Amino acid sequence: MALFGNKDENLFLLFAESARVVVRGGDILNEVVSDYRNLDEKMAQLTDLENEGDKIIQTLVRKLNTSFILPFDREDALKLVQQLATTLDYITGIIDIMILYKAGEPTSQVKEMVATLYEALLLQERAFKLLNKLEQNKNTLMEYSENIRQLEHKQDKYYRNYLGELFENEKNPVEIIKWRGVYEHIEMAMDHVEDVAHLIRNLCIKYS
C-alpha cells in the first residue's frame, strides 16, 4: 500500500539530525574513555550538544503537533523522539558520573561496553536516514533493528559479567558504587537504543 500522501521531508531531516546528535554524543564518550583528560571540557561539549539536541527535539515535537499529514502515527513518532532524547541523557550521565564520582581511568570493561553502545548508535543513525522510504527500505531497517537487538544482548552479558566481577574482586565499597553507576548508565543507554530499534521494527510491520 502507499504509505504516505504528501510527505513532510523536513520531518525526516529532523529525525536524522536528532539521531546524528546522539551519535556525536557517542563520539564524545569515546573520546573520554580513550583519553581520560580534559573531562570538564568534554562535558561542556556534551552539554552544548544536549542543548542542540533539545532544540531539534522541540522543533520535532512542535511539527508533529501541528502537521496535518504525518508519515506515521503521531504517537509512534513521539515515542521515537522521546527515546532519542533519553539515550542522549544517559550518555551525558555516563560522563557526569565519571566526573562526579572521580571514577578514574576507564577500565577495559568500560571500553568494551562503550564500543558496543557506539556500534548500536551508528546503526540507529543509519536507520533514521532510511525512514523517509519505509516501504522501500523495510528489509534493511529490519536488519538494522535485529543487529541492534543482538548488540543489546551482548551488552546485557557484559553488564552481568562485569558487575559480577566488580563485586567479587573489588573490596572498596566506594569503587563499587562508582563503577556500578557507570555500568548501569551504559546499559540503560543501550536499552533505549534497543527500544528505538523495536519501535522501528514495529513501524516496518505496521506500515508495509
Protein backbone atom coordinates (compact mmCIF):
# COMPACT_ATOMS: atom_id res chain seq x y z
CA MET A 1 0.00 0.00 0.00
CA ALA A 2 1.09 3.62 -0.40
CA LEU A 3 2.40 4.68 2.96
CA PHE A 4 2.39 8.45 2.68
CA GLY A 5 0.43 11.10 0.93
CA ASN A 6 2.38 14.36 0.86
CA LYS A 7 5.39 13.54 3.00
CA ASP A 8 6.99 16.24 5.10
CA GLU A 9 10.64 15.79 4.18
CA ASN A 10 11.70 18.34 6.81
CA LEU A 11 10.32 15.99 9.44
CA PHE A 12 12.59 13.18 8.25
CA LEU A 13 15.55 15.53 8.17
CA LEU A 14 14.88 16.45 11.79
CA PHE A 15 14.68 12.77 12.78
CA ALA A 16 18.01 12.07 11.04
CA GLU A 17 19.59 15.14 12.60
CA SER A 18 18.42 14.11 16.05
CA ALA A 19 19.98 10.66 15.58
CA ARG A 20 23.19 12.35 14.39
CA VAL A 21 23.36 14.39 17.60
CA VAL A 22 23.09 11.19 19.64
CA VAL A 23 25.98 9.68 17.65
CA ARG A 24 28.02 12.82 18.30
CA GLY A 25 27.36 12.24 22.00
CA GLY A 26 28.77 8.77 21.48
CA ASP A 27 31.83 10.32 19.83
CA ILE A 28 32.49 12.44 22.90
CA LEU A 29 32.00 9.42 25.16
CA ASN A 30 34.55 7.51 23.05
CA GLU A 31 36.97 10.41 23.48
CA VAL A 32 36.53 10.23 27.24
CA VAL A 33 37.22 6.50 27.54
CA SER A 34 40.20 6.65 25.17
CA ASP A 35 41.75 9.82 26.60
CA TYR A 36 40.76 10.44 30.21
CA ARG A 37 41.83 14.07 30.28
CA ASN A 38 40.14 17.47 29.97
CA LEU A 39 36.90 16.00 31.29
CA ASP A 40 35.34 19.36 32.09
CA GLU A 41 35.94 20.50 28.51
CA LYS A 42 34.41 17.33 27.11
CA MET A 43 31.45 17.63 29.47
CA ALA A 44 30.94 21.21 28.26
CA GLN A 45 30.92 19.94 24.66
CA LEU A 46 28.34 17.35 25.60
CA THR A 47 26.20 19.95 27.37
CA ASP A 48 26.26 22.12 24.23
CA LEU A 49 25.30 19.04 22.23
CA GLU A 50 22.40 18.34 24.59
CA ASN A 51 21.16 21.88 24.08
CA GLU A 52 21.37 21.39 20.31
CA GLY A 53 19.52 18.09 20.61
CA ASP A 54 16.84 19.69 22.78
CA LYS A 55 16.21 22.38 20.16
CA ILE A 56 15.89 19.79 17.40
CA ILE A 57 13.53 17.70 19.52
CA GLN A 58 11.42 20.75 20.42
CA THR A 59 11.11 21.55 16.73
CA LEU A 60 10.20 17.93 16.01
CA VAL A 61 7.52 17.85 18.69
CA ARG A 62 6.07 21.16 17.53
CA LYS A 63 5.99 19.91 13.96
CA LEU A 64 4.39 16.63 15.00
CA ASN A 65 1.72 18.51 16.90
CA THR A 66 0.91 20.86 14.02
CA SER A 67 1.41 18.79 10.86
CA PHE A 68 -1.82 17.65 9.25
CA ILE A 69 -0.19 14.82 7.31
CA LEU A 70 2.25 12.70 9.30
CA PRO A 71 4.48 9.92 7.97
CA PHE A 72 3.16 7.58 10.65
CA ASP A 73 1.06 7.76 13.78
CA ARG A 74 1.83 10.78 15.94
CA GLU A 75 2.15 8.53 18.97
CA ASP A 76 4.80 6.37 17.24
CA ALA A 77 6.72 9.44 16.13
CA LEU A 78 6.70 10.97 19.61
CA LYS A 79 7.96 7.71 21.11
CA LEU A 80 10.92 7.75 18.73
CA VAL A 81 11.71 11.34 19.70
CA GLN A 82 11.46 10.59 23.42
CA GLN A 83 13.75 7.56 23.18
CA LEU A 84 16.40 9.53 21.28
CA ALA A 85 16.32 12.27 23.92
CA THR A 86 16.58 9.77 26.76
CA THR A 87 19.51 7.97 25.10
CA LEU A 88 21.46 11.24 24.93
CA ASP A 89 20.58 11.92 28.58
CA TYR A 90 22.12 8.60 29.61
CA ILE A 91 25.24 9.20 27.52
CA THR A 92 25.65 12.52 29.32
CA GLY A 93 25.02 10.72 32.60
CA ILE A 94 27.90 8.29 31.97
CA ILE A 95 30.43 11.11 31.72
CA ASP A 96 28.74 13.04 34.52
CA ILE A 97 29.15 10.09 36.89
CA MET A 98 32.81 9.69 35.92
CA ILE A 99 33.42 13.34 36.80
CA LEU A 100 31.19 13.49 39.88
CA TYR A 101 32.47 10.24 41.38
CA LYS A 102 36.07 10.84 40.23
CA ALA A 103 35.92 7.29 38.89
CA GLY A 104 39.39 7.37 37.40
CA GLU A 105 40.83 5.90 34.20
CA PRO A 106 38.14 3.86 32.38
CA THR A 107 38.68 0.13 32.62
CA SER A 108 38.88 -2.29 29.70
CA GLN A 109 35.37 -3.42 30.69
CA VAL A 110 34.00 0.12 30.33
CA LYS A 111 35.74 0.50 26.97
CA GLU A 112 34.16 -2.72 25.69
CA MET A 113 30.70 -1.64 26.82
CA VAL A 114 31.09 1.83 25.28
CA ALA A 115 32.31 0.32 21.99
CA THR A 116 29.22 -1.91 21.86
CA LEU A 117 26.94 1.04 22.61
CA TYR A 118 28.61 3.12 19.91
CA GLU A 119 28.17 0.39 17.31
CA ALA A 120 24.45 0.39 18.09
CA LEU A 121 24.26 4.19 17.86
CA LEU A 122 25.76 4.11 14.36
CA LEU A 123 23.19 1.53 13.25
CA GLN A 124 20.44 3.65 14.76
CA GLU A 125 21.60 6.69 12.80
CA ARG A 126 21.63 4.68 9.57
CA ALA A 127 18.09 3.50 10.27
CA PHE A 128 16.78 7.03 10.76
CA LYS A 129 18.20 8.06 7.40
CA LEU A 130 16.00 5.40 5.77
CA LEU A 131 12.69 6.26 7.46
CA ASN A 132 11.61 8.57 4.65
CA LYS A 133 11.19 5.49 2.42
CA LEU A 134 9.94 2.98 4.92
CA GLU A 135 8.41 0.51 2.49
CA GLN A 136 11.37 0.56 0.13
CA ASN A 137 13.87 0.16 2.98
CA LYS A 138 11.88 -2.28 5.09
CA ASN A 139 14.31 -5.19 4.81
CA THR A 140 17.34 -3.08 5.63
CA LEU A 141 15.56 -1.45 8.57
CA MET A 142 14.56 -4.85 9.92
CA GLU A 143 18.17 -6.00 9.57
CA TYR A 144 19.46 -2.96 11.44
CA SER A 145 16.89 -3.49 14.17
CA GLU A 146 17.89 -7.12 14.57
CA ASN A 147 21.58 -6.20 14.69
CA ILE A 148 20.86 -3.68 17.43
CA ARG A 149 18.89 -6.31 19.33
CA GLN A 150 21.88 -8.65 19.15
CA LEU A 151 24.18 -5.90 20.39
CA GLU A 152 21.81 -5.26 23.29
CA HIS A 153 22.02 -8.94 24.24
CA LYS A 154 25.80 -8.73 24.04
CA GLN A 155 25.71 -5.67 26.28
CA ASP A 156 23.50 -7.49 28.78
CA LYS A 157 26.12 -10.21 29.07
CA TYR A 158 28.87 -7.66 29.53
CA TYR A 159 26.86 -5.89 32.20
CA ARG A 160 26.09 -9.04 34.19
CA ASN A 161 29.61 -10.43 33.90
CA TYR A 162 31.44 -7.20 34.68
CA LEU A 163 29.15 -6.33 37.55
CA GLY A 164 29.73 -9.80 38.99
CA GLU A 165 33.49 -9.37 38.64
CA LEU A 166 33.28 -5.97 40.31
CA PHE A 167 31.52 -7.32 43.39
CA GLU A 168 33.81 -10.33 43.53
CA ASN A 169 37.15 -8.60 43.07
CA GLU A 170 36.74 -5.05 44.36
CA LYS A 171 36.94 -4.70 48.14
CA ASN A 172 36.49 -0.93 48.32
CA PRO A 173 32.73 -0.17 48.51
CA VAL A 174 33.28 3.34 47.13
CA GLU A 175 34.89 1.92 43.99
CA ILE A 176 31.98 -0.50 43.62
CA ILE A 177 29.50 2.38 43.77
CA LYS A 178 31.47 4.38 41.19
CA TRP A 179 31.81 1.69 38.55
CA ARG A 180 28.40 0.20 39.14
CA GLY A 181 26.92 3.61 38.30
CA VAL A 182 28.94 3.79 35.10
CA TYR A 183 27.98 0.25 34.05
CA GLU A 184 24.31 0.92 34.75
CA HIS A 185 24.21 4.10 32.68
CA ILE A 186 25.88 2.41 29.71
CA GLU A 187 23.41 -0.46 29.99
CA MET A 188 20.43 1.91 30.21
CA ALA A 189 21.62 3.89 27.18
CA MET A 190 21.81 0.63 25.23
CA ASP A 191 18.34 -0.36 26.41
CA HIS A 192 16.90 2.83 24.95
CA VAL A 193 18.68 2.26 21.63
CA GLU A 194 17.11 -1.19 21.55
CA ASP A 195 13.73 0.38 22.34
CA VAL A 196 14.15 2.60 19.28
CA ALA A 197 15.03 -0.46 17.17
CA HIS A 198 11.88 -2.19 18.44
CA LEU A 199 9.76 0.84 17.51
CA ILE A 200 11.28 0.93 14.01
CA ARG A 201 10.69 -2.80 13.60
CA ASN A 202 7.04 -2.30 14.57
CA LEU A 203 6.72 0.57 12.08
CA CYS A 204 8.01 -1.68 9.30
CA ILE A 205 5.40 -4.31 10.18
CA LYS A 206 2.58 -1.82 10.73
CA TYR A 207 3.01 0.27 7.58
CA SER A 208 4.07 -2.26 4.97
